[in-house]
Amino acid sequence: MKEEIVNRVANSKLKTFDLEEIYPKEKRVLFDVKDWLFQELILKETDFRTSVKNHDWSQYKNSFVAITCSVDAIIPSWAFMLVASEITPFANKVVIGNLELLETVIYQELLSFVDFKEYANAPVIIKGCAEKPIPASAYAFLIEKLQPIARSIMFGEACSTVPLYKSKK
């Protein structure tokens, strides 16, 4: 007589949190102001403001935008703020910085809206292997949310996890 194979993982109280499941699929845009600088070096206010005024900002509708300058130029804060003020009505989120900062901010906001009640007093696995660009900081934000309520936190897959935290009884 054959023994029935039992999926102990499926029958356990383990809860898995997968950061990819909350990853927004809208496009990410790196907006570089270098093209609006004189010789990619100097910001001439009149020319810069003209470029801002004539740009089609609607193309950033429902996008996540990081505003940056990829050349070594001194850009006053107001210039980034001016660009942000034009993109903001169209974009889902705007940051001044790189795409990694953008992803960090996106995850910080997303995790602030997650209801973590189902993870209370439960052993939790934070899913490892990700196909999407999840920043390392997102994992730290997740730990901040889970540690006060979870019984234990592990990282990886159900078949092989690395223990991270166990609550004191």
Protein backbone atom coordinates (compact mmCIF):
# COMPACT_ATOMS: atom_id res chain seq x y z
CA MET A 1 0.00 0.00 0.00
CA LYS A 2 1.41 3.39 -1.06
CA GLU A 3 1.64 6.17 1.45
CA GLU A 4 -0.04 9.39 0.46
CA ILE A 5 2.35 12.28 -0.09
CA VAL A 6 1.42 15.15 2.18
CA ASN A 7 2.37 18.70 1.34
CA ARG A 8 3.41 19.88 4.79
CA VAL A 9 4.19 23.39 3.54
CA ALA A 10 0.68 23.85 2.14
CA ASN A 11 -0.81 22.53 5.38
CA SER A 12 1.36 24.66 7.66
CA LYS A 13 0.54 28.03 9.18
CA LEU A 14 3.37 29.62 7.21
CA LYS A 15 2.44 32.90 5.56
CA THR A 16 4.42 34.06 2.56
CA PHE A 17 4.89 37.72 1.68
CA ASP A 18 5.97 38.30 -1.91
CA LEU A 19 7.01 41.88 -2.66
CA GLU A 20 6.53 41.20 -6.38
CA GLU A 21 2.80 40.75 -5.81
CA ILE A 22 2.42 44.43 -4.92
CA TYR A 23 4.83 45.67 -7.60
CA PRO A 24 3.01 48.28 -9.73
CA LYS A 25 3.34 47.55 -13.43
CA GLU A 26 3.17 51.16 -14.63
CA LYS A 27 6.19 52.40 -16.54
CA ARG A 28 9.24 53.93 -14.87
CA VAL A 29 10.88 56.95 -16.47
CA LEU A 30 14.26 58.49 -15.78
CA PHE A 31 13.88 62.15 -16.75
CA ASP A 32 17.32 63.66 -17.38
CA VAL A 33 17.62 67.46 -17.39
CA LYS A 34 21.07 67.37 -19.01
CA ASP A 35 19.59 67.96 -22.47
CA TRP A 36 18.24 71.31 -21.28
CA LEU A 37 21.64 72.59 -20.17
CA PHE A 38 23.89 74.77 -22.27
CA GLN A 39 26.62 72.43 -23.54
CA GLU A 40 25.32 69.91 -20.97
CA LEU A 41 27.12 71.96 -18.35
CA ILE A 42 25.40 75.23 -17.51
CA LEU A 43 21.81 75.97 -16.64
CA LYS A 44 20.64 79.15 -18.33
CA GLU A 45 17.41 80.02 -16.56
CA THR A 46 15.60 81.55 -19.54
CA ASP A 47 16.43 78.64 -21.85
CA PHE A 48 15.65 76.09 -19.16
CA ARG A 49 12.25 77.64 -18.43
CA THR A 50 11.49 77.72 -22.17
CA SER A 51 12.30 74.00 -22.45
CA VAL A 52 10.06 73.27 -19.48
CA LYS A 53 7.23 75.35 -20.94
CA ASN A 54 7.42 73.68 -24.37
CA HIS A 55 7.74 70.07 -23.19
CA ASP A 56 4.81 67.65 -23.56
CA TRP A 57 4.30 66.60 -19.95
CA SER A 58 1.25 64.46 -20.73
CA GLN A 59 3.53 61.64 -21.91
CA TYR A 60 4.24 60.86 -18.24
CA LYS A 61 0.62 60.08 -17.46
CA ASN A 62 0.37 57.17 -14.99
CA SER A 63 4.16 56.77 -14.91
CA PHE A 64 6.61 56.74 -12.05
CA VAL A 65 9.28 59.38 -12.72
CA ALA A 66 12.76 59.97 -11.33
CA ILE A 67 14.21 63.37 -12.21
CA THR A 68 17.99 63.44 -12.45
CA CYS A 69 20.96 65.05 -14.11
CA SER A 70 23.43 62.52 -15.49
CA VAL A 71 26.25 64.99 -16.12
CA ASP A 72 28.49 66.70 -13.62
CA ALA A 73 26.78 70.07 -13.56
CA ILE A 74 25.62 72.27 -10.72
CA ILE A 75 21.84 72.35 -10.91
CA PRO A 76 19.95 74.59 -8.49
CA SER A 77 17.20 72.90 -6.49
CA TRP A 78 14.53 75.10 -8.02
CA ALA A 79 15.22 73.59 -11.47
CA PHE A 80 14.40 70.07 -10.30
CA MET A 81 11.39 71.43 -8.43
CA LEU A 82 10.17 73.24 -11.55
CA VAL A 83 10.34 70.01 -13.57
CA ALA A 84 8.62 68.12 -10.74
CA SER A 85 5.83 70.71 -10.64
CA GLU A 86 5.09 70.06 -14.31
CA ILE A 87 5.27 66.24 -14.14
CA THR A 88 3.31 65.84 -10.89
CA PRO A 89 -0.17 66.41 -12.37
CA PHE A 90 0.40 63.48 -14.75
CA ALA A 91 2.65 61.01 -12.96
CA ASN A 92 1.76 58.52 -10.22
CA LYS A 93 4.91 59.46 -8.30
CA VAL A 94 7.82 61.84 -8.85
CA VAL A 95 11.19 61.82 -7.07
CA ILE A 96 14.38 63.74 -7.57
CA GLY A 97 17.05 61.08 -7.81
CA ASN A 98 17.71 57.79 -9.59
CA LEU A 99 15.49 54.82 -10.41
CA GLU A 100 16.57 52.94 -7.28
CA LEU A 101 15.38 55.82 -5.12
CA LEU A 102 12.14 55.84 -7.10
CA GLU A 103 11.57 52.12 -6.40
CA THR A 104 12.42 52.68 -2.73
CA VAL A 105 9.82 55.44 -2.42
CA ILE A 106 7.23 53.39 -4.30
CA TYR A 107 7.67 50.43 -1.93
CA GLN A 108 7.70 52.60 1.17
CA GLU A 109 4.32 53.98 0.16
CA LEU A 110 2.89 50.64 -0.95
CA LEU A 111 3.82 48.93 2.30
CA SER A 112 2.20 51.70 4.32
CA PHE A 113 -1.15 50.66 2.84
CA VAL A 114 -0.85 46.88 3.36
CA ASP A 115 -3.02 45.31 6.04
CA PHE A 116 -0.65 43.05 7.95
CA LYS A 117 -3.29 41.51 10.27
CA GLU A 118 -3.05 38.08 8.63
CA TYR A 119 0.63 37.91 9.59
CA ALA A 120 0.01 38.45 13.31
CA ASN A 121 1.48 35.64 15.45
CA ALA A 122 2.34 33.68 12.31
CA PRO A 123 5.60 32.34 10.94
CA VAL A 124 6.29 34.47 7.85
CA ILE A 125 8.48 33.81 4.85
CA ILE A 126 9.59 36.80 2.85
CA LYS A 127 9.87 35.42 -0.66
CA GLY A 128 13.35 35.60 -2.10
CA CYS A 129 13.98 35.24 -5.84
CA ALA A 130 12.50 38.25 -7.60
CA GLU A 131 12.20 38.96 -11.30
CA LYS A 132 11.36 42.63 -10.75
CA PRO A 133 13.74 45.37 -9.53
CA ILE A 134 12.86 45.29 -5.85
CA PRO A 135 15.26 47.52 -3.90
CA ALA A 136 17.00 46.13 -0.81
CA SER A 137 15.35 48.87 1.22
CA ALA A 138 11.92 47.36 0.49
CA TYR A 139 12.94 44.29 2.47
CA ALA A 140 13.94 46.50 5.40
CA PHE A 141 10.58 48.31 5.24
CA LEU A 142 8.86 44.94 5.26
CA ILE A 143 10.84 43.79 8.30
CA GLU A 144 9.78 46.99 10.11
CA LYS A 145 6.14 46.11 9.48
CA LEU A 146 6.34 42.38 10.22
CA GLN A 147 8.72 42.15 13.17
CA PRO A 148 6.38 43.69 15.77
CA ILE A 149 3.59 41.24 14.88
CA ALA A 150 5.01 38.02 13.38
CA ARG A 151 5.99 34.97 15.40
CA SER A 152 9.02 34.46 13.18
CA ILE A 153 10.41 35.81 9.93
CA MET A 154 12.37 33.83 7.39
CA PHE A 155 13.73 34.67 3.95
CA GLY A 156 13.74 32.51 0.85
CA GLU A 157 11.38 29.80 -0.34
CA ALA A 158 9.35 27.38 1.79
CA CYS A 159 11.73 24.55 0.87
CA SER A 160 14.82 26.42 2.05
CA THR A 161 14.62 29.45 4.27
CA VAL A 162 17.08 31.53 6.21
CA PRO A 163 15.81 32.48 9.67
CA LEU A 164 15.87 36.23 10.33
CA TYR A 165 13.80 36.82 13.45
CA LYS A 166 11.99 34.88 16.15
CA SER A 167 9.80 36.63 18.70
CA LYS A 168 10.63 36.27 22.35
CA LYS A 169 7.90 34.41 24.20
